[in-house]
Amino acid sequence: MIVTGWKKGHFLLRRFVALSLRVRRKHAAQFFAKEWDSILIEMDGATVPVAITKTFWSSCPELRSSAIGAWMKKRGLVPWIKGKPPPMRLTPLEANRFRLGAD
């Protein structure tokens, strides 16, 4: 599935910017189970647990982790032009395990 970057904060103000992944609602319903409290995301051979918040299902379909932000920075995906977050591929592997890759 294609996911996009999401941020809280402003790149231009050089303040702390929280980075994460935004999942489309149709993909959330298709690839995620409501009973999961967290998922595992493989990035560069490391597996990182990422919590699924209660608001993931209603108003905030983001997967938030500092490891995701570090991964995005390492690949030069940040900063991005306002309104044009970078696309990435989140591949379901099994159960609640996924692999993140640049698209």
C-alpha atoms as a PDB file:
ATOM      1  CA  MET A   1       0.000   0.000   0.000  1.00  0.00           C
ATOM      2  CA  ILE A   2       1.124   3.551  -0.597  1.00  0.00           C
ATOM      3  CA  VAL A   3       1.360   5.728   2.513  1.00  0.00           C
ATOM      4  CA  THR A   4       2.510   9.324   2.722  1.00  0.00           C
ATOM      5  CA  GLY A   5       4.586  11.371   5.095  1.00  0.00           C
ATOM      6  CA  TRP A   6       2.815  13.281   7.836  1.00  0.00           C
ATOM      7  CA  LYS A   7       4.266  15.944  10.082  1.00  0.00           C
ATOM      8  CA  LYS A   8       3.369  17.947  13.123  1.00  0.00           C
ATOM      9  CA  GLY A   9       5.292  21.207  13.113  1.00  0.00           C
ATOM     10  CA  HIS A  10       6.829  23.481  10.487  1.00  0.00           C
ATOM     11  CA  PHE A  11      10.026  22.758   8.596  1.00  0.00           C
ATOM     12  CA  LEU A  12      10.687  26.439   7.896  1.00  0.00           C
ATOM     13  CA  LEU A  13      10.490  27.502  11.534  1.00  0.00           C
ATOM     14  CA  ARG A  14      13.196  24.937  12.373  1.00  0.00           C
ATOM     15  CA  ARG A  15      11.292  23.791  15.423  1.00  0.00           C
ATOM     16  CA  PHE A  16      10.866  20.196  16.416  1.00  0.00           C
ATOM     17  CA  VAL A  17       8.942  18.411  13.673  1.00  0.00           C
ATOM     18  CA  ALA A  18       7.294  15.076  14.472  1.00  0.00           C
ATOM     19  CA  LEU A  19       7.276  12.807  11.430  1.00  0.00           C
ATOM     20  CA  SER A  20       5.127   9.780  10.779  1.00  0.00           C
ATOM     21  CA  LEU A  21       3.177   7.855   8.150  1.00  0.00           C
ATOM     22  CA  ARG A  22      -0.365   8.619   7.050  1.00  0.00           C
ATOM     23  CA  VAL A  23      -2.458   5.638   6.026  1.00  0.00           C
ATOM     24  CA  ARG A  24      -5.494   5.997   3.776  1.00  0.00           C
ATOM     25  CA  ARG A  25      -8.713   4.949   5.505  1.00  0.00           C
ATOM     26  CA  LYS A  26      -9.442   2.259   2.930  1.00  0.00           C
ATOM     27  CA  HIS A  27      -6.002   0.753   3.568  1.00  0.00           C
ATOM     28  CA  ALA A  28      -6.491   0.934   7.328  1.00  0.00           C
ATOM     29  CA  ALA A  29      -9.686  -1.086   6.975  1.00  0.00           C
ATOM     30  CA  GLN A  30      -8.092  -3.533   4.539  1.00  0.00           C
ATOM     31  CA  PHE A  31      -4.697  -4.205   6.149  1.00  0.00           C
ATOM     32  CA  PHE A  32      -5.073  -3.438   9.875  1.00  0.00           C
ATOM     33  CA  ALA A  33      -7.114  -5.195  12.557  1.00  0.00           C
ATOM     34  CA  LYS A  34      -8.949  -3.123  15.152  1.00  0.00           C
ATOM     35  CA  GLU A  35      -7.830  -5.461  17.925  1.00  0.00           C
ATOM     36  CA  TRP A  36      -4.137  -4.644  17.305  1.00  0.00           C
ATOM     37  CA  ASP A  37      -2.542  -2.312  19.861  1.00  0.00           C
ATOM     38  CA  SER A  38       0.611  -2.070  17.788  1.00  0.00           C
ATOM     39  CA  ILE A  39       2.273  -3.222  14.605  1.00  0.00           C
ATOM     40  CA  LEU A  40       5.852  -4.117  13.726  1.00  0.00           C
ATOM     41  CA  ILE A  41       7.557  -2.242  10.897  1.00  0.00           C
ATOM     42  CA  GLU A  42      10.777  -3.474   9.299  1.00  0.00           C
ATOM     43  CA  MET A  43      13.095  -0.651   8.252  1.00  0.00           C
ATOM     44  CA  ASP A  44      16.651  -1.316   7.064  1.00  0.00           C
ATOM     45  CA  GLY A  45      16.695  -4.766   8.626  1.00  0.00           C
ATOM     46  CA  ALA A  46      15.533  -3.552  12.057  1.00  0.00           C
ATOM     47  CA  THR A  47      12.037  -4.224  13.366  1.00  0.00           C
ATOM     48  CA  VAL A  48      10.354  -1.385  15.253  1.00  0.00           C
ATOM     49  CA  PRO A  49       7.125  -1.617  17.251  1.00  0.00           C
ATOM     50  CA  VAL A  50       4.677   1.193  16.452  1.00  0.00           C
ATOM     51  CA  ALA A  51       1.602   1.836  18.581  1.00  0.00           C
ATOM     52  CA  ILE A  52      -1.807   2.124  16.972  1.00  0.00           C
ATOM     53  CA  THR A  53      -3.746   4.863  18.713  1.00  0.00           C
ATOM     54  CA  LYS A  54      -7.502   4.786  19.231  1.00  0.00           C
ATOM     55  CA  THR A  55      -7.832   7.807  16.931  1.00  0.00           C
ATOM     56  CA  PHE A  56      -6.146   5.859  14.107  1.00  0.00           C
ATOM     57  CA  TRP A  57      -9.617   4.496  13.304  1.00  0.00           C
ATOM     58  CA  SER A  58     -11.505   7.786  13.485  1.00  0.00           C
ATOM     59  CA  SER A  59      -9.632  11.017  12.896  1.00  0.00           C
ATOM     60  CA  CYS A  60      -5.853  10.457  12.832  1.00  0.00           C
ATOM     61  CA  PRO A  61      -4.787   7.538  10.635  1.00  0.00           C
ATOM     62  CA  GLU A  62      -1.099   8.035  11.347  1.00  0.00           C
ATOM     63  CA  LEU A  63       1.593   5.637  12.479  1.00  0.00           C
ATOM     64  CA  ARG A  64       3.914   7.613  14.745  1.00  0.00           C
ATOM     65  CA  SER A  65       7.436   6.676  15.765  1.00  0.00           C
ATOM     66  CA  SER A  66      10.718   8.540  16.064  1.00  0.00           C
ATOM     67  CA  ALA A  67      12.289   5.629  14.150  1.00  0.00           C
ATOM     68  CA  ILE A  68      10.035   6.414  11.178  1.00  0.00           C
ATOM     69  CA  GLY A  69      11.151  10.053  11.254  1.00  0.00           C
ATOM     70  CA  ALA A  70      14.812   9.037  11.399  1.00  0.00           C
ATOM     71  CA  TRP A  71      14.284   6.635   8.484  1.00  0.00           C
ATOM     72  CA  MET A  72      12.640   9.390   6.410  1.00  0.00           C
ATOM     73  CA  LYS A  73      15.455  11.845   7.167  1.00  0.00           C
ATOM     74  CA  LYS A  74      18.105   9.257   6.275  1.00  0.00           C
ATOM     75  CA  ARG A  75      16.533   8.903   2.826  1.00  0.00           C
ATOM     76  CA  GLY A  76      16.256  12.643   2.210  1.00  0.00           C
ATOM     77  CA  LEU A  77      12.440  12.562   2.234  1.00  0.00           C
ATOM     78  CA  VAL A  78      12.248  15.620   4.489  1.00  0.00           C
ATOM     79  CA  PRO A  79      11.588  18.445   4.270  1.00  0.00           C
ATOM     80  CA  TRP A  80       8.907  18.344   1.612  1.00  0.00           C
ATOM     81  CA  ILE A  81       6.930  21.014  -0.201  1.00  0.00           C
ATOM     82  CA  LYS A  82       3.751  21.976   1.639  1.00  0.00           C
ATOM     83  CA  GLY A  83       0.887  19.800   0.441  1.00  0.00           C
ATOM     84  CA  LYS A  84       3.191  17.280  -1.271  1.00  0.00           C
ATOM     85  CA  PRO A  85       4.265  14.703   1.315  1.00  0.00           C
ATOM     86  CA  PRO A  86       6.518  11.935   0.034  1.00  0.00           C
ATOM     87  CA  PRO A  87       4.915   8.633  -0.944  1.00  0.00           C
ATOM     88  CA  MET A  88       6.296   5.460   0.596  1.00  0.00           C
ATOM     89  CA  ARG A  89       5.387   1.797   0.361  1.00  0.00           C
ATOM     90  CA  LEU A  90       4.196  -0.082   3.441  1.00  0.00           C
ATOM     91  CA  THR A  91       4.097  -3.761   2.525  1.00  0.00           C
ATOM     92  CA  PRO A  92       2.043  -6.152   4.655  1.00  0.00           C
ATOM     93  CA  LEU A  93       4.092  -9.256   5.456  1.00  0.00           C
ATOM     94  CA  GLU A  94       2.082 -11.305   7.941  1.00  0.00           C
ATOM     95  CA  ALA A  95      -0.371 -10.554  10.740  1.00  0.00           C
ATOM     96  CA  ASN A  96       0.695  -7.179  12.190  1.00  0.00           C
ATOM     97  CA  ARG A  97       4.132  -7.070  10.495  1.00  0.00           C
ATOM     98  CA  PHE A  98       4.951  -4.645   7.665  1.00  0.00           C
ATOM     99  CA  ARG A  99       8.013  -3.473   5.706  1.00  0.00           C
ATOM    100  CA  LEU A 100       8.578   0.202   4.926  1.00  0.00           C
ATOM    101  CA  GLY A 101      10.281   1.244   1.707  1.00  0.00           C
ATOM    102  CA  ALA A 102      10.697   4.410  -0.335  1.00  0.00           C
ATOM    103  CA  ASP A 103       8.436   4.392  -3.373  1.00  0.00           C
END
